[in-house]
C-alpha atoms as a PDB file:
ATOM      1  CA  MET A   1      -7.476  -5.614   4.571  1.00  0.00           C
ATOM      2  CA  ARG A   2      -4.332  -7.379   3.326  1.00  0.00           C
ATOM      3  CA  LEU A   3      -1.421  -5.128   2.397  1.00  0.00           C
ATOM      4  CA  ASP A   4      -1.158  -6.374  -1.190  1.00  0.00           C
ATOM      5  CA  LYS A   5      -4.883  -5.889  -1.772  1.00  0.00           C
ATOM      6  CA  TYR A   6      -4.786  -2.386  -0.256  1.00  0.00           C
ATOM      7  CA  LEU A   7      -1.928  -1.365  -2.551  1.00  0.00           C
ATOM      8  CA  LYS A   8      -3.971  -2.533  -5.548  1.00  0.00           C
ATOM      9  CA  VAL A   9      -7.317  -1.020  -4.469  1.00  0.00           C
ATOM     10  CA  SER A  10      -5.710   2.335  -3.614  1.00  0.00           C
ATOM     11  CA  ARG A  11      -3.825   2.163  -6.919  1.00  0.00           C
ATOM     12  CA  LEU A  12      -0.451   2.822  -5.296  1.00  0.00           C
ATOM     13  CA  ILE A  13       0.568  -0.287  -7.293  1.00  0.00           C
ATOM     14  CA  LYS A  14      -1.465  -1.234 -10.365  1.00  0.00           C
ATOM     15  CA  ARG A  15      -1.637  -5.039 -10.028  1.00  0.00           C
ATOM     16  CA  ARG A  16      -1.974  -7.236  -6.959  1.00  0.00           C
ATOM     17  CA  THR A  17       0.657  -9.718  -8.134  1.00  0.00           C
ATOM     18  CA  VAL A  18       3.167  -6.872  -8.497  1.00  0.00           C
ATOM     19  CA  ALA A  19       2.205  -5.635  -5.009  1.00  0.00           C
ATOM     20  CA  CYS A  20       2.692  -9.148  -3.615  1.00  0.00           C
ATOM     21  CA  ASP A  21       6.095  -9.457  -5.313  1.00  0.00           C
ATOM     22  CA  ALA A  22       7.162  -6.054  -3.916  1.00  0.00           C
ATOM     23  CA  CYS A  23       6.166  -7.138  -0.397  1.00  0.00           C
ATOM     24  CA  ASN A  24       7.988 -10.464  -0.709  1.00  0.00           C
ATOM     25  CA  ALA A  25      11.124  -8.668  -1.968  1.00  0.00           C
ATOM     26  CA  GLY A  26      11.142  -6.449   1.139  1.00  0.00           C
ATOM     27  CA  ARG A  27      10.466  -3.190  -0.701  1.00  0.00           C
ATOM     28  CA  VAL A  28       7.287  -2.335   1.271  1.00  0.00           C
ATOM     29  CA  SER A  29       7.377  -1.261   4.906  1.00  0.00           C
ATOM     30  CA  VAL A  30       4.544  -0.304   7.252  1.00  0.00           C
ATOM     31  CA  ASN A  31       5.293   1.950  10.234  1.00  0.00           C
ATOM     32  CA  GLY A  32       9.030   1.489   9.645  1.00  0.00           C
ATOM     33  CA  GLU A  33       9.012  -2.335   9.532  1.00  0.00           C
ATOM     34  CA  VAL A  34       9.195  -4.521   6.425  1.00  0.00           C
ATOM     35  CA  ARG A  35       5.922  -6.441   6.151  1.00  0.00           C
ATOM     36  CA  LYS A  36       4.654  -9.414   4.197  1.00  0.00           C
ATOM     37  CA  ALA A  37       1.716  -9.192   1.769  1.00  0.00           C
ATOM     38  CA  SER A  38      -0.612 -10.727   4.361  1.00  0.00           C
ATOM     39  CA  TYR A  39      -0.142  -7.876   6.884  1.00  0.00           C
ATOM     40  CA  ASP A  40      -3.473  -6.356   8.022  1.00  0.00           C
ATOM     41  CA  VAL A  41      -3.532  -2.637   7.092  1.00  0.00           C
ATOM     42  CA  LYS A  42      -5.396  -0.231   9.385  1.00  0.00           C
ATOM     43  CA  PRO A  43      -6.200   3.504   9.093  1.00  0.00           C
ATOM     44  CA  GLY A  44      -3.306   5.547  10.446  1.00  0.00           C
ATOM     45  CA  ASP A  45      -0.591   3.194   9.162  1.00  0.00           C
ATOM     46  CA  ILE A  46       2.312   4.751   7.239  1.00  0.00           C
ATOM     47  CA  ILE A  47       3.259   2.750   4.126  1.00  0.00           C
ATOM     48  CA  GLU A  48       6.599   3.249   2.402  1.00  0.00           C
ATOM     49  CA  ILE A  49       7.285   1.704  -1.009  1.00  0.00           C
ATOM     50  CA  ARG A  50      10.797   1.742  -2.483  1.00  0.00           C
ATOM     51  CA  PHE A  51      11.142   1.745  -6.283  1.00  0.00           C
ATOM     52  CA  GLY A  52      14.874   1.597  -7.034  1.00  0.00           C
ATOM     53  CA  GLU A  53      16.295   4.874  -5.705  1.00  0.00           C
ATOM     54  CA  LYS A  54      12.866   6.458  -5.377  1.00  0.00           C
ATOM     55  CA  SER A  55      10.616   6.134  -2.337  1.00  0.00           C
ATOM     56  CA  VAL A  56       6.896   6.833  -1.829  1.00  0.00           C
ATOM     57  CA  LYS A  57       5.342   7.384   1.601  1.00  0.00           C
ATOM     58  CA  ALA A  58       1.612   7.428   2.203  1.00  0.00           C
ATOM     59  CA  GLU A  59      -0.680   7.434   5.237  1.00  0.00           C
ATOM     60  CA  VAL A  60      -3.690   5.095   5.183  1.00  0.00           C
ATOM     61  CA  LEU A  61      -6.914   7.078   5.648  1.00  0.00           C
ATOM     62  CA  SER A  62      -9.472   4.387   4.884  1.00  0.00           C
ATOM     63  CA  THR A  63      -9.674   0.716   3.928  1.00  0.00           C
ATOM     64  CA  GLN A  64     -12.558  -0.054   1.587  1.00  0.00           C
ATOM     65  CA  GLU A  65     -12.906  -3.276  -0.376  1.00  0.00           C
ATOM     66  CA  VAL A  66     -14.299  -1.697  -3.558  1.00  0.00           C
ATOM     67  CA  VAL A  67     -13.512   1.819  -4.755  1.00  0.00           C
ATOM     68  CA  LYS A  68     -14.064   3.606  -8.050  1.00  0.00           C
ATOM     69  CA  LYS A  69     -10.963   4.727  -9.920  1.00  0.00           C
ATOM     70  CA  GLU A  70     -11.743   8.402  -9.307  1.00  0.00           C
ATOM     71  CA  GLU A  71     -12.114   7.861  -5.541  1.00  0.00           C
ATOM     72  CA  ALA A  72      -9.013   5.715  -5.033  1.00  0.00           C
ATOM     73  CA  SER A  73      -6.840   8.691  -4.081  1.00  0.00           C
ATOM     74  CA  GLU A  74      -9.144   9.376  -1.102  1.00  0.00           C
ATOM     75  CA  LEU A  75      -7.928   6.174   0.606  1.00  0.00           C
ATOM     76  CA  PHE A  76      -4.481   7.651   1.382  1.00  0.00           C
ATOM     77  CA  LYS A  77      -2.498  10.882   1.510  1.00  0.00           C
ATOM     78  CA  TYR A  78       1.101  11.334   0.431  1.00  0.00           C
ATOM     79  CA  ILE A  79       3.620  12.339   3.076  1.00  0.00           C
END
């Protein structure tokens, strides 16, 4: 699954366009490397998102195309 789509489906970022913009600005890294929005996310990857001075790290547990809002938090765990 594409990185920007995963960020939207998992609800780490609310909208896909915002996720795409964050990737293009270099604020999203996977396994320690800055990645583009088209990067293919796999279970076990560590995603880090930088929001200003704040940073969020999460490990990918699952990649599902469609997830209910209540189950979105099961796709990742915070580190």
